[in-house]
């Protein structure tokens, strides 16, 4: 908070359950991945016997859907998306445009 302006920041977490930021002016929250694309990439990597960082990321970072849901539920006025992963960046950007 600064002179009544309220900003929320969260990154490197998989959940914001139990956290409230009602009517904050802004938030910088990670939108690390889009879950459907991430799961497809993980599936393809596993079929090919390959490693993908997304397998860990989906359990340690917020998806764009979780971020959008949190912002809607808390009536966040402005979102500054951060920590967007490169593997699903296109899908994350598209999800943010729809919001």
C-alpha atoms as a PDB file:
ATOM      1  CA  UNK A   1       0.000   0.000   0.000  1.00  0.00           C
ATOM      2  CA  UNK A   2       1.141   3.501  -0.750  1.00  0.00           C
ATOM      3  CA  UNK A   3      -1.066   6.507  -0.101  1.00  0.00           C
ATOM      4  CA  UNK A   4      -4.171   4.355  -0.431  1.00  0.00           C
ATOM      5  CA  UNK A   5      -3.000   2.654  -3.650  1.00  0.00           C
ATOM      6  CA  UNK A   6      -3.081  -1.111  -3.159  1.00  0.00           C
ATOM      7  CA  UNK A   7      -0.850  -3.434  -5.204  1.00  0.00           C
ATOM      8  CA  UNK A   8      -0.627  -7.233  -4.871  1.00  0.00           C
ATOM      9  CA  UNK A   9       2.401  -9.263  -6.010  1.00  0.00           C
ATOM     10  CA  UNK A  10       2.719 -13.044  -6.226  1.00  0.00           C
ATOM     11  CA  UNK A  11       5.071 -15.357  -8.087  1.00  0.00           C
ATOM     12  CA  UNK A  12       6.594 -18.811  -7.702  1.00  0.00           C
ATOM     13  CA  UNK A  13       3.472 -20.317  -6.196  1.00  0.00           C
ATOM     14  CA  UNK A  14       0.926 -22.828  -7.427  1.00  0.00           C
ATOM     15  CA  UNK A  15      -2.040 -21.485  -5.507  1.00  0.00           C
ATOM     16  CA  UNK A  16      -3.512 -18.325  -4.077  1.00  0.00           C
ATOM     17  CA  UNK A  17      -6.100 -20.262  -2.081  1.00  0.00           C
ATOM     18  CA  UNK A  18      -6.925 -18.424   1.128  1.00  0.00           C
ATOM     19  CA  UNK A  19      -5.416 -15.154  -0.114  1.00  0.00           C
ATOM     20  CA  UNK A  20      -7.552 -12.058  -0.614  1.00  0.00           C
ATOM     21  CA  UNK A  21      -6.776  -8.830  -2.411  1.00  0.00           C
ATOM     22  CA  UNK A  22     -10.261  -7.410  -2.735  1.00  0.00           C
ATOM     23  CA  UNK A  23     -10.555  -4.292  -4.886  1.00  0.00           C
ATOM     24  CA  UNK A  24      -6.813  -3.776  -5.203  1.00  0.00           C
ATOM     25  CA  UNK A  25      -5.760  -1.201  -7.748  1.00  0.00           C
ATOM     26  CA  UNK A  26      -3.242  -3.481  -9.418  1.00  0.00           C
ATOM     27  CA  UNK A  27      -1.449  -6.782  -9.214  1.00  0.00           C
ATOM     28  CA  UNK A  28       1.669  -8.354 -10.668  1.00  0.00           C
ATOM     29  CA  UNK A  29       0.974 -12.069 -10.675  1.00  0.00           C
ATOM     30  CA  UNK A  30       2.680 -14.838 -12.565  1.00  0.00           C
ATOM     31  CA  UNK A  31       0.920 -16.385 -15.527  1.00  0.00           C
ATOM     32  CA  UNK A  32       3.528 -19.069 -16.004  1.00  0.00           C
ATOM     33  CA  UNK A  33       1.674 -21.409 -18.345  1.00  0.00           C
ATOM     34  CA  UNK A  34      -1.602 -22.317 -19.995  1.00  0.00           C
ATOM     35  CA  UNK A  35      -2.518 -25.686 -18.483  1.00  0.00           C
ATOM     36  CA  UNK A  36      -3.994 -27.425 -21.553  1.00  0.00           C
ATOM     37  CA  UNK A  37      -0.997 -26.622 -23.754  1.00  0.00           C
ATOM     38  CA  UNK A  38       1.384 -27.490 -20.909  1.00  0.00           C
ATOM     39  CA  UNK A  39      -0.240 -30.903 -20.435  1.00  0.00           C
ATOM     40  CA  UNK A  40      -0.048 -31.565 -24.180  1.00  0.00           C
ATOM     41  CA  UNK A  41       3.668 -30.701 -24.190  1.00  0.00           C
ATOM     42  CA  UNK A  42       4.251 -32.941 -21.163  1.00  0.00           C
ATOM     43  CA  UNK A  43       2.377 -35.811 -22.810  1.00  0.00           C
ATOM     44  CA  UNK A  44       4.364 -35.476 -26.026  1.00  0.00           C
ATOM     45  CA  UNK A  45       7.678 -35.321 -24.142  1.00  0.00           C
ATOM     46  CA  UNK A  46       6.813 -38.422 -22.117  1.00  0.00           C
ATOM     47  CA  UNK A  47       5.880 -40.343 -25.281  1.00  0.00           C
ATOM     48  CA  UNK A  48       9.283 -39.445 -26.719  1.00  0.00           C
ATOM     49  CA  UNK A  49      11.200 -40.192 -23.515  1.00  0.00           C
ATOM     50  CA  UNK A  50      12.165 -36.529 -23.219  1.00  0.00           C
ATOM     51  CA  UNK A  51      12.357 -34.109 -20.296  1.00  0.00           C
ATOM     52  CA  UNK A  52      10.237 -30.980 -20.062  1.00  0.00           C
ATOM     53  CA  UNK A  53      10.464 -28.398 -17.303  1.00  0.00           C
ATOM     54  CA  UNK A  54       6.693 -27.980 -17.507  1.00  0.00           C
ATOM     55  CA  UNK A  55       6.162 -31.169 -15.510  1.00  0.00           C
ATOM     56  CA  UNK A  56       7.556 -29.367 -12.465  1.00  0.00           C
ATOM     57  CA  UNK A  57       6.225 -25.945 -13.392  1.00  0.00           C
ATOM     58  CA  UNK A  58       2.571 -26.976 -13.330  1.00  0.00           C
ATOM     59  CA  UNK A  59       3.047 -27.959  -9.687  1.00  0.00           C
ATOM     60  CA  UNK A  60       5.032 -24.904  -8.604  1.00  0.00           C
ATOM     61  CA  UNK A  61       3.750 -21.981 -10.667  1.00  0.00           C
ATOM     62  CA  UNK A  62       0.369 -20.386 -11.338  1.00  0.00           C
ATOM     63  CA  UNK A  63      -1.380 -21.033 -14.599  1.00  0.00           C
ATOM     64  CA  UNK A  64      -2.901 -18.122 -16.467  1.00  0.00           C
ATOM     65  CA  UNK A  65      -6.371 -19.491 -15.679  1.00  0.00           C
ATOM     66  CA  UNK A  66      -5.710 -19.457 -11.930  1.00  0.00           C
ATOM     67  CA  UNK A  67      -4.361 -15.914 -12.184  1.00  0.00           C
ATOM     68  CA  UNK A  68      -7.366 -14.648 -14.139  1.00  0.00           C
ATOM     69  CA  UNK A  69      -9.758 -16.373 -11.744  1.00  0.00           C
ATOM     70  CA  UNK A  70      -8.048 -14.759  -8.745  1.00  0.00           C
ATOM     71  CA  UNK A  71      -8.185 -11.310 -10.368  1.00  0.00           C
ATOM     72  CA  UNK A  72     -11.860 -11.667 -11.251  1.00  0.00           C
ATOM     73  CA  UNK A  73     -12.842 -12.937  -7.810  1.00  0.00           C
ATOM     74  CA  UNK A  74     -10.944 -10.099  -6.132  1.00  0.00           C
ATOM     75  CA  UNK A  75     -11.976  -7.357  -8.560  1.00  0.00           C
ATOM     76  CA  UNK A  76      -8.355  -6.442  -9.327  1.00  0.00           C
ATOM     77  CA  UNK A  77      -8.448  -3.342 -11.506  1.00  0.00           C
ATOM     78  CA  UNK A  78      -5.173  -3.831 -13.453  1.00  0.00           C
ATOM     79  CA  UNK A  79      -3.075  -6.973 -13.950  1.00  0.00           C
ATOM     80  CA  UNK A  80       0.610  -6.833 -14.816  1.00  0.00           C
ATOM     81  CA  UNK A  81       1.328 -10.443 -15.828  1.00  0.00           C
ATOM     82  CA  UNK A  82       4.786 -11.705 -14.868  1.00  0.00           C
ATOM     83  CA  UNK A  83       6.859 -14.886 -15.102  1.00  0.00           C
ATOM     84  CA  UNK A  84       5.294 -16.046 -18.364  1.00  0.00           C
ATOM     85  CA  UNK A  85       6.987 -19.224 -19.547  1.00  0.00           C
ATOM     86  CA  UNK A  86       8.184 -19.462 -23.125  1.00  0.00           C
ATOM     87  CA  UNK A  87       6.687 -22.905 -23.860  1.00  0.00           C
ATOM     88  CA  UNK A  88       3.076 -21.722 -23.689  1.00  0.00           C
ATOM     89  CA  UNK A  89       3.539 -17.959 -24.074  1.00  0.00           C
ATOM     90  CA  UNK A  90       1.274 -17.729 -27.130  1.00  0.00           C
ATOM     91  CA  UNK A  91      -1.592 -19.442 -25.286  1.00  0.00           C
ATOM     92  CA  UNK A  92      -1.044 -17.328 -22.154  1.00  0.00           C
ATOM     93  CA  UNK A  93      -1.177 -14.112 -24.175  1.00  0.00           C
ATOM     94  CA  UNK A  94      -4.362 -15.275 -25.911  1.00  0.00           C
ATOM     95  CA  UNK A  95      -6.008 -16.095 -22.568  1.00  0.00           C
ATOM     96  CA  UNK A  96      -5.087 -12.664 -21.209  1.00  0.00           C
ATOM     97  CA  UNK A  97      -6.563 -10.974 -24.298  1.00  0.00           C
ATOM     98  CA  UNK A  98      -9.879 -12.784 -23.728  1.00  0.00           C
ATOM     99  CA  UNK A  99      -9.999 -11.526 -20.151  1.00  0.00           C
END
